[in-house]
Amino acid sequence: MTTPGRNEPQTLQEAHALVSARRPKREASLETWLKFHQANARAYQAASDVDRWHHHELKYWVGYEERKAREVAAQIQKEKSQVS
């Protein structure tokens, strides 16, 4: 088990609050959304290492955010290949 840094969430509630607070606007670029989902996965992972009571729920959110990041990355690749 690792201890998260000072600015990383320690609980499921803190992770949800952080994710909610930094959510980009709907019209944000795909790159912004990709960074958002990647950062969310890291935040949920950090909390899962500390908040053992919610460990499995946090692991769900890690997986969810990683899937969303892959979807956005694929969309970015698709758009790049259509431009070329």
PDB file of N, CA and C in Angstrom:
ATOM      1  N   MET A   1       0.853  -1.183   0.000  1.00  0.00           N
ATOM      2  CA  MET A   1       0.000   0.000   0.000  1.00  0.00           C
ATOM      3  C   MET A   1       0.892   1.237   0.000  1.00  0.00           C
ATOM      4  N   THR A   2       0.572   2.171  -0.891  1.00  0.00           N
ATOM      5  CA  THR A   2       1.312   3.424  -0.946  1.00  0.00           C
ATOM      6  C   THR A   2       0.487   4.527  -0.306  1.00  0.00           C
ATOM      7  N   THR A   3       1.165   5.525   0.184  1.00  0.00           N
ATOM      8  CA  THR A   3       0.482   6.671   0.760  1.00  0.00           C
ATOM      9  C   THR A   3       0.420   7.768  -0.283  1.00  0.00           C
ATOM     10  N   PRO A   4      -0.773   8.289  -0.556  1.00  0.00           N
ATOM     11  CA  PRO A   4      -0.864   9.341  -1.566  1.00  0.00           C
ATOM     12  C   PRO A   4      -0.168  10.620  -1.108  1.00  0.00           C
ATOM     13  N   GLY A   5       0.174  11.442  -2.075  1.00  0.00           N
ATOM     14  CA  GLY A   5       0.783  12.726  -1.776  1.00  0.00           C
ATOM     15  C   GLY A   5      -0.186  13.639  -1.059  1.00  0.00           C
ATOM     16  N   ARG A   6       0.332  14.732  -0.604  1.00  0.00           N
ATOM     17  CA  ARG A   6      -0.457  15.674   0.192  1.00  0.00           C
ATOM     18  C   ARG A   6      -1.685  16.177  -0.555  1.00  0.00           C
ATOM     19  N   ASN A   7      -1.591  16.360  -1.868  1.00  0.00           N
ATOM     20  CA  ASN A   7      -2.707  16.915  -2.639  1.00  0.00           C
ATOM     21  C   ASN A   7      -3.597  15.850  -3.269  1.00  0.00           C
ATOM     22  N   GLU A   8      -3.340  14.599  -2.974  1.00  0.00           N
ATOM     23  CA  GLU A   8      -4.164  13.536  -3.534  1.00  0.00           C
ATOM     24  C   GLU A   8      -5.288  13.190  -2.571  1.00  0.00           C
ATOM     25  N   PRO A   9      -6.420  12.761  -3.128  1.00  0.00           N
ATOM     26  CA  PRO A   9      -7.562  12.421  -2.263  1.00  0.00           C
ATOM     27  C   PRO A   9      -7.251  11.209  -1.390  1.00  0.00           C
ATOM     28  N   GLN A  10      -7.813  11.227  -0.205  1.00  0.00           N
ATOM     29  CA  GLN A  10      -7.605  10.147   0.763  1.00  0.00           C
ATOM     30  C   GLN A  10      -8.826   9.238   0.871  1.00  0.00           C
ATOM     31  N   THR A  11      -9.973   9.706   0.372  1.00  0.00           N
ATOM     32  CA  THR A  11     -11.215   8.939   0.514  1.00  0.00           C
ATOM     33  C   THR A  11     -12.003   8.979  -0.793  1.00  0.00           C
ATOM     34  N   LEU A  12     -12.978   8.098  -0.885  1.00  0.00           N
ATOM     35  CA  LEU A  12     -13.882   8.095  -2.032  1.00  0.00           C
ATOM     36  C   LEU A  12     -14.578   9.445  -2.159  1.00  0.00           C
ATOM     37  N   GLN A  13     -15.042   9.976  -1.058  1.00  0.00           N
ATOM     38  CA  GLN A  13     -15.738  11.262  -1.069  1.00  0.00           C
ATOM     39  C   GLN A  13     -14.828  12.382  -1.577  1.00  0.00           C
ATOM     40  N   GLU A  14     -13.590  12.403  -1.120  1.00  0.00           N
ATOM     41  CA  GLU A  14     -12.647  13.419  -1.587  1.00  0.00           C
ATOM     42  C   GLU A  14     -12.351  13.257  -3.081  1.00  0.00           C
ATOM     43  N   ALA A  15     -12.223  12.019  -3.530  1.00  0.00           N
ATOM     44  CA  ALA A  15     -11.954  11.773  -4.951  1.00  0.00           C
ATOM     45  C   ALA A  15     -13.128  12.248  -5.804  1.00  0.00           C
ATOM     46  N   HIS A  16     -14.348  11.913  -5.390  1.00  0.00           N
ATOM     47  CA  HIS A  16     -15.531  12.378  -6.131  1.00  0.00           C
ATOM     48  C   HIS A  16     -15.586  13.911  -6.160  1.00  0.00           C
ATOM     49  N   ALA A  17     -15.289  14.548  -5.048  1.00  0.00           N
ATOM     50  CA  ALA A  17     -15.329  16.018  -4.984  1.00  0.00           C
ATOM     51  C   ALA A  17     -14.289  16.621  -5.919  1.00  0.00           C
ATOM     52  N   LEU A  18     -13.104  16.046  -5.947  1.00  0.00           N
ATOM     53  CA  LEU A  18     -12.042  16.536  -6.821  1.00  0.00           C
ATOM     54  C   LEU A  18     -12.428  16.390  -8.291  1.00  0.00           C
ATOM     55  N   VAL A  19     -12.936  15.222  -8.648  1.00  0.00           N
ATOM     56  CA  VAL A  19     -13.347  14.968 -10.030  1.00  0.00           C
ATOM     57  C   VAL A  19     -14.443  15.947 -10.441  1.00  0.00           C
ATOM     58  N   SER A  20     -15.397  16.121  -9.579  1.00  0.00           N
ATOM     59  CA  SER A  20     -16.516  17.024  -9.875  1.00  0.00           C
ATOM     60  C   SER A  20     -16.044  18.467 -10.039  1.00  0.00           C
ATOM     61  N   ALA A  21     -15.121  18.884  -9.200  1.00  0.00           N
ATOM     62  CA  ALA A  21     -14.653  20.274  -9.218  1.00  0.00           C
ATOM     63  C   ALA A  21     -13.843  20.605 -10.469  1.00  0.00           C
ATOM     64  N   ARG A  22     -13.145  19.630 -11.025  1.00  0.00           N
ATOM     65  CA  ARG A  22     -12.280  19.935 -12.168  1.00  0.00           C
ATOM     66  C   ARG A  22     -12.858  19.484 -13.511  1.00  0.00           C
ATOM     67  N   ARG A  23     -14.113  19.115 -13.513  1.00  0.00           N
ATOM     68  CA  ARG A  23     -14.754  18.666 -14.755  1.00  0.00           C
ATOM     69  C   ARG A  23     -14.731  19.790 -15.797  1.00  0.00           C
ATOM     70  N   PRO A  24     -14.232  19.488 -17.003  1.00  0.00           N
ATOM     71  CA  PRO A  24     -14.198  20.525 -18.047  1.00  0.00           C
ATOM     72  C   PRO A  24     -15.596  20.837 -18.582  1.00  0.00           C
ATOM     73  N   LYS A  25     -15.679  21.928 -19.298  1.00  0.00           N
ATOM     74  CA  LYS A  25     -16.941  22.270 -19.949  1.00  0.00           C
ATOM     75  C   LYS A  25     -17.217  21.271 -21.062  1.00  0.00           C
ATOM     76  N   ARG A  26     -18.474  21.077 -21.361  1.00  0.00           N
ATOM     77  CA  ARG A  26     -18.893  20.094 -22.358  1.00  0.00           C
ATOM     78  C   ARG A  26     -18.168  20.298 -23.688  1.00  0.00           C
ATOM     79  N   GLU A  27     -17.933  21.548 -24.059  1.00  0.00           N
ATOM     80  CA  GLU A  27     -17.331  21.849 -25.361  1.00  0.00           C
ATOM     81  C   GLU A  27     -15.799  21.825 -25.336  1.00  0.00           C
ATOM     82  N   ALA A  28     -15.205  21.380 -24.249  1.00  0.00           N
ATOM     83  CA  ALA A  28     -13.745  21.305 -24.150  1.00  0.00           C
ATOM     84  C   ALA A  28     -13.188  20.360 -25.207  1.00  0.00           C
ATOM     85  N   SER A  29     -11.926  20.556 -25.543  1.00  0.00           N
ATOM     86  CA  SER A  29     -11.276  19.723 -26.557  1.00  0.00           C
ATOM     87  C   SER A  29     -11.166  18.276 -26.083  1.00  0.00           C
ATOM     88  N   LEU A  30     -11.014  17.377 -27.047  1.00  0.00           N
ATOM     89  CA  LEU A  30     -10.840  15.971 -26.697  1.00  0.00           C
ATOM     90  C   LEU A  30      -9.569  15.764 -25.870  1.00  0.00           C
ATOM     91  N   GLU A  31      -8.531  16.533 -26.158  1.00  0.00           N
ATOM     92  CA  GLU A  31      -7.297  16.426 -25.390  1.00  0.00           C
ATOM     93  C   GLU A  31      -7.532  16.791 -23.924  1.00  0.00           C
ATOM     94  N   THR A  32      -8.357  17.800 -23.694  1.00  0.00           N
ATOM     95  CA  THR A  32      -8.693  18.198 -22.324  1.00  0.00           C
ATOM     96  C   THR A  32      -9.459  17.078 -21.629  1.00  0.00           C
ATOM     97  N   TRP A  33     -10.409  16.475 -22.335  1.00  0.00           N
ATOM     98  CA  TRP A  33     -11.189  15.368 -21.764  1.00  0.00           C
ATOM     99  C   TRP A  33     -10.297  14.161 -21.489  1.00  0.00           C
ATOM    100  N   LEU A  34      -9.331  13.898 -22.370  1.00  0.00           N
ATOM    101  CA  LEU A  34      -8.413  12.785 -22.150  1.00  0.00           C
ATOM    102  C   LEU A  34      -7.613  13.006 -20.866  1.00  0.00           C
ATOM    103  N   LYS A  35      -7.053  14.195 -20.712  1.00  0.00           N
ATOM    104  CA  LYS A  35      -6.284  14.509 -19.502  1.00  0.00           C
ATOM    105  C   LYS A  35      -7.160  14.411 -18.253  1.00  0.00           C
ATOM    106  N   PHE A  36      -8.412  14.855 -18.371  1.00  0.00           N
ATOM    107  CA  PHE A  36      -9.357  14.792 -17.250  1.00  0.00           C
ATOM    108  C   PHE A  36      -9.567  13.348 -16.801  1.00  0.00           C
ATOM    109  N   HIS A  37      -9.844  12.459 -17.736  1.00  0.00           N
ATOM    110  CA  HIS A  37     -10.098  11.060 -17.374  1.00  0.00           C
ATOM    111  C   HIS A  37      -8.834  10.375 -16.850  1.00  0.00           C
ATOM    112  N   GLN A  38      -7.688  10.690 -17.421  1.00  0.00           N
ATOM    113  CA  GLN A  38      -6.436  10.115 -16.926  1.00  0.00           C
ATOM    114  C   GLN A  38      -6.154  10.570 -15.496  1.00  0.00           C
ATOM    115  N   ALA A  39      -6.357  11.856 -15.231  1.00  0.00           N
ATOM    116  CA  ALA A  39      -6.139  12.386 -13.877  1.00  0.00           C
ATOM    117  C   ALA A  39      -7.137  11.783 -12.892  1.00  0.00           C
ATOM    118  N   ASN A  40      -8.365  11.574 -13.335  1.00  0.00           N
ATOM    119  CA  ASN A  40      -9.374  10.962 -12.469  1.00  0.00           C
ATOM    120  C   ASN A  40      -8.965   9.552 -12.077  1.00  0.00           C
ATOM    121  N   ALA A  41      -8.483   8.787 -13.044  1.00  0.00           N
ATOM    122  CA  ALA A  41      -8.051   7.416 -12.752  1.00  0.00           C
ATOM    123  C   ALA A  41      -6.939   7.430 -11.703  1.00  0.00           C
ATOM    124  N   ARG A  42      -5.999   8.361 -11.844  1.00  0.00           N
ATOM    125  CA  ARG A  42      -4.914   8.461 -10.865  1.00  0.00           C
ATOM    126  C   ARG A  42      -5.457   8.852  -9.481  1.00  0.00           C
ATOM    127  N   ALA A  43      -6.410   9.769  -9.438  1.00  0.00           N
ATOM    128  CA  ALA A  43      -6.977  10.211  -8.156  1.00  0.00           C
ATOM    129  C   ALA A  43      -7.717   9.069  -7.464  1.00  0.00           C
ATOM    130  N   TYR A  44      -8.528   8.343  -8.209  1.00  0.00           N
ATOM    131  CA  TYR A  44      -9.244   7.210  -7.618  1.00  0.00           C
ATOM    132  C   TYR A  44      -8.272   6.124  -7.168  1.00  0.00           C
ATOM    133  N   GLN A  45      -7.205   5.910  -7.939  1.00  0.00           N
ATOM    134  CA  GLN A  45      -6.198   4.918  -7.549  1.00  0.00           C
ATOM    135  C   GLN A  45      -5.526   5.322  -6.249  1.00  0.00           C
ATOM    136  N   ALA A  46      -5.156   6.582  -6.144  1.00  0.00           N
ATOM    137  CA  ALA A  46      -4.506   7.060  -4.922  1.00  0.00           C
ATOM    138  C   ALA A  46      -5.417   6.855  -3.712  1.00  0.00           C
ATOM    139  N   ALA A  47      -6.676   7.185  -3.858  1.00  0.00           N
ATOM    140  CA  ALA A  47      -7.619   7.026  -2.745  1.00  0.00           C
ATOM    141  C   ALA A  47      -7.825   5.553  -2.415  1.00  0.00           C
ATOM    142  N   SER A  48      -7.815   4.689  -3.430  1.00  0.00           N
ATOM    143  CA  SER A  48      -8.053   3.259  -3.179  1.00  0.00           C
ATOM    144  C   SER A  48      -6.946   2.646  -2.337  1.00  0.00           C
ATOM    145  N   ASP A  49      -5.767   3.235  -2.385  1.00  0.00           N
ATOM    146  CA  ASP A  49      -4.652   2.728  -1.587  1.00  0.00           C
ATOM    147  C   ASP A  49      -4.778   3.109  -0.112  1.00  0.00           C
ATOM    148  N   VAL A  50      -5.644   4.066   0.199  1.00  0.00           N
ATOM    149  CA  VAL A  50      -5.794   4.550   1.569  1.00  0.00           C
ATOM    150  C   VAL A  50      -7.167   4.192   2.142  1.00  0.00           C
ATOM    151  N   ASP A  51      -8.220   4.454   1.392  1.00  0.00           N
ATOM    152  CA  ASP A  51      -9.597   4.242   1.859  1.00  0.00           C
ATOM    153  C   ASP A  51      -9.986   2.784   1.630  1.00  0.00           C
ATOM    154  N   ARG A  52      -9.513   1.932   2.525  1.00  0.00           N
ATOM    155  CA  ARG A  52      -9.740   0.504   2.352  1.00  0.00           C
ATOM    156  C   ARG A  52     -11.223   0.127   2.475  1.00  0.00           C
ATOM    157  N   TRP A  53     -11.992   0.932   3.167  1.00  0.00           N
ATOM    158  CA  TRP A  53     -13.417   0.657   3.319  1.00  0.00           C
ATOM    159  C   TRP A  53     -14.134   0.733   1.965  1.00  0.00           C
ATOM    160  N   HIS A  54     -13.665   1.609   1.082  1.00  0.00           N
ATOM    161  CA  HIS A  54     -14.277   1.797  -0.237  1.00  0.00           C
ATOM    162  C   HIS A  54     -13.366   1.318  -1.363  1.00  0.00           C
ATOM    163  N   HIS A  55     -12.410   0.468  -1.031  1.00  0.00           N
ATOM    164  CA  HIS A  55     -11.407   0.023  -1.997  1.00  0.00           C
ATOM    165  C   HIS A  55     -12.024  -0.506  -3.294  1.00  0.00           C
ATOM    166  N   HIS A  56     -12.993  -1.391  -3.204  1.00  0.00           N
ATOM    167  CA  HIS A  56     -13.561  -2.007  -4.405  1.00  0.00           C
ATOM    168  C   HIS A  56     -14.351  -0.999  -5.242  1.00  0.00           C
ATOM    169  N   GLU A  57     -15.065  -0.119  -4.588  1.00  0.00           N
ATOM    170  CA  GLU A  57     -15.784   0.922  -5.327  1.00  0.00           C
ATOM    171  C   GLU A  57     -14.801   1.865  -6.023  1.00  0.00           C
ATOM    172  N   LEU A  58     -13.732   2.207  -5.325  1.00  0.00           N
ATOM    173  CA  LEU A  58     -12.714   3.063  -5.940  1.00  0.00           C
ATOM    174  C   LEU A  58     -12.060   2.369  -7.128  1.00  0.00           C
ATOM    175  N   LYS A  59     -11.819   1.068  -7.014  1.00  0.00           N
ATOM    176  CA  LYS A  59     -11.240   0.320  -8.137  1.00  0.00           C
ATOM    177  C   LYS A  59     -12.200   0.319  -9.330  1.00  0.00           C
ATOM    178  N   TYR A  60     -13.504   0.269  -9.071  1.00  0.00           N
ATOM    179  CA  TYR A  60     -14.483   0.392 -10.149  1.00  0.00           C
ATOM    180  C   TYR A  60     -14.272   1.719 -10.879  1.00  0.00           C
ATOM    181  N   TRP A  61     -14.142   2.803 -10.105  1.00  0.00           N
ATOM    182  CA  TRP A  61     -13.988   4.125 -10.704  1.00  0.00           C
ATOM    183  C   TRP A  61     -12.667   4.260 -11.450  1.00  0.00           C
ATOM    184  N   VAL A  62     -11.614   3.612 -10.963  1.00  0.00           N
ATOM    185  CA  VAL A  62     -10.343   3.597 -11.702  1.00  0.00           C
ATOM    186  C   VAL A  62     -10.578   2.982 -13.075  1.00  0.00           C
ATOM    187  N   GLY A  63     -11.220   1.825 -13.107  1.00  0.00           N
ATOM    188  CA  GLY A  63     -11.503   1.153 -14.376  1.00  0.00           C
ATOM    189  C   GLY A  63     -12.389   1.975 -15.285  1.00  0.00           C
ATOM    190  N   TYR A  64     -13.403   2.592 -14.716  1.00  0.00           N
ATOM    191  CA  TYR A  64     -14.309   3.426 -15.505  1.00  0.00           C
ATOM    192  C   TYR A  64     -13.547   4.561 -16.173  1.00  0.00           C
ATOM    193  N   GLU A  65     -12.739   5.272 -15.389  1.00  0.00           N
ATOM    194  CA  GLU A  65     -12.003   6.413 -15.939  1.00  0.00           C
ATOM    195  C   GLU A  65     -10.955   5.961 -16.954  1.00  0.00           C
ATOM    196  N   GLU A  66     -10.339   4.820 -16.734  1.00  0.00           N
ATOM    197  CA  GLU A  66      -9.385   4.304 -17.717  1.00  0.00           C
ATOM    198  C   GLU A  66     -10.090   3.953 -19.026  1.00  0.00           C
ATOM    199  N   ARG A  67     -11.280   3.369 -18.940  1.00  0.00           N
ATOM    200  CA  ARG A  67     -12.063   3.057 -20.159  1.00  0.00           C
ATOM    201  C   ARG A  67     -12.445   4.333 -20.896  1.00  0.00           C
ATOM    202  N   LYS A  68     -12.901   5.334 -20.146  1.00  0.00           N
ATOM    203  CA  LYS A  68     -13.267   6.611 -20.786  1.00  0.00           C
ATOM    204  C   LYS A  68     -12.049   7.239 -21.457  1.00  0.00           C
ATOM    205  N   ALA A  69     -10.892   7.170 -20.814  1.00  0.00           N
ATOM    206  CA  ALA A  69      -9.668   7.722 -21.407  1.00  0.00           C
ATOM    207  C   ALA A  69      -9.331   6.991 -22.702  1.00  0.00           C
ATOM    208  N   ARG A  70      -9.457   5.662 -22.714  1.00  0.00           N
ATOM    209  CA  ARG A  70      -9.187   4.901 -23.946  1.00  0.00           C
ATOM    210  C   ARG A  70     -10.164   5.276 -25.050  1.00  0.00           C
ATOM    211  N   GLU A  71     -11.430   5.469 -24.700  1.00  0.00           N
ATOM    212  CA  GLU A  71     -12.437   5.863 -25.698  1.00  0.00           C
ATOM    213  C   GLU A  71     -12.100   7.223 -26.302  1.00  0.00           C
ATOM    214  N   VAL A  72     -11.723   8.165 -25.466  1.00  0.00           N
ATOM    215  CA  VAL A  72     -11.375   9.501 -25.952  1.00  0.00           C
ATOM    216  C   VAL A  72     -10.107   9.438 -26.797  1.00  0.00           C
ATOM    217  N   ALA A  73      -9.116   8.670 -26.355  1.00  0.00           N
ATOM    218  CA  ALA A  73      -7.877   8.525 -27.122  1.00  0.00           C
ATOM    219  C   ALA A  73      -8.168   7.927 -28.498  1.00  0.00           C
ATOM    220  N   ALA A  74      -9.057   6.951 -28.553  1.00  0.00           N
ATOM    221  CA  ALA A  74      -9.435   6.351 -29.832  1.00  0.00           C
ATOM    222  C   ALA A  74     -10.137   7.372 -30.722  1.00  0.00           C
ATOM    223  N   GLN A  75     -10.967   8.188 -30.137  1.00  0.00           N
ATOM    224  CA  GLN A  75     -11.663   9.222 -30.891  1.00  0.00           C
ATOM    225  C   GLN A  75     -10.661  10.249 -31.443  1.00  0.00           C
ATOM    226  N   ILE A  76      -9.665  10.599 -30.651  1.00  0.00           N
ATOM    227  CA  ILE A  76      -8.625  11.525 -31.105  1.00  0.00           C
ATOM    228  C   ILE A  76      -7.884  10.912 -32.286  1.00  0.00           C
ATOM    229  N   GLN A  77      -7.505   9.641 -32.178  1.00  0.00           N
ATOM    230  CA  GLN A  77      -6.806   8.951 -33.266  1.00  0.00           C
ATOM    231  C   GLN A  77      -7.653   8.902 -34.528  1.00  0.00           C
ATOM    232  N   LYS A  78      -8.943   8.624 -34.354  1.00  0.00           N
ATOM    233  CA  LYS A  78      -9.845   8.543 -35.497  1.00  0.00           C
ATOM    234  C   LYS A  78      -9.912   9.897 -36.220  1.00  0.00           C
ATOM    235  N   GLU A  79     -10.027  10.963 -35.441  1.00  0.00           N
ATOM    236  CA  GLU A  79     -10.095  12.296 -36.043  1.00  0.00           C
ATOM    237  C   GLU A  79      -8.782  12.652 -36.743  1.00  0.00           C
ATOM    238  N   LYS A  80      -7.643  12.265 -36.155  1.00  0.00           N
ATOM    239  CA  LYS A  80      -6.356  12.533 -36.779  1.00  0.00           C
ATOM    240  C   LYS A  80      -6.210  11.774 -38.110  1.00  0.00           C
ATOM    241  N   SER A  81      -6.695  10.542 -38.132  1.00  0.00           N
ATOM    242  CA  SER A  81      -6.560   9.739 -39.352  1.00  0.00           C
ATOM    243  C   SER A  81      -7.502  10.254 -40.446  1.00  0.00           C
ATOM    244  N   GLN A  82      -8.599  10.858 -40.078  1.00  0.00           N
ATOM    245  CA  GLN A  82      -9.523  11.411 -41.079  1.00  0.00           C
ATOM    246  C   GLN A  82      -8.980  12.685 -41.691  1.00  0.00           C
ATOM    247  N   VAL A  83      -8.164  13.412 -40.947  1.00  0.00           N
ATOM    248  CA  VAL A  83      -7.588  14.665 -41.429  1.00  0.00           C
ATOM    249  C   VAL A  83      -6.451  14.373 -42.408  1.00  0.00           C
ATOM    250  N   SER A  84      -5.698  13.302 -42.139  1.00  0.00           N
ATOM    251  CA  SER A  84      -4.522  12.970 -42.969  1.00  0.00           C
ATOM    252  C   SER A  84      -4.913  12.508 -44.352  1.00  0.00           C
TER     253      SER A  84
END
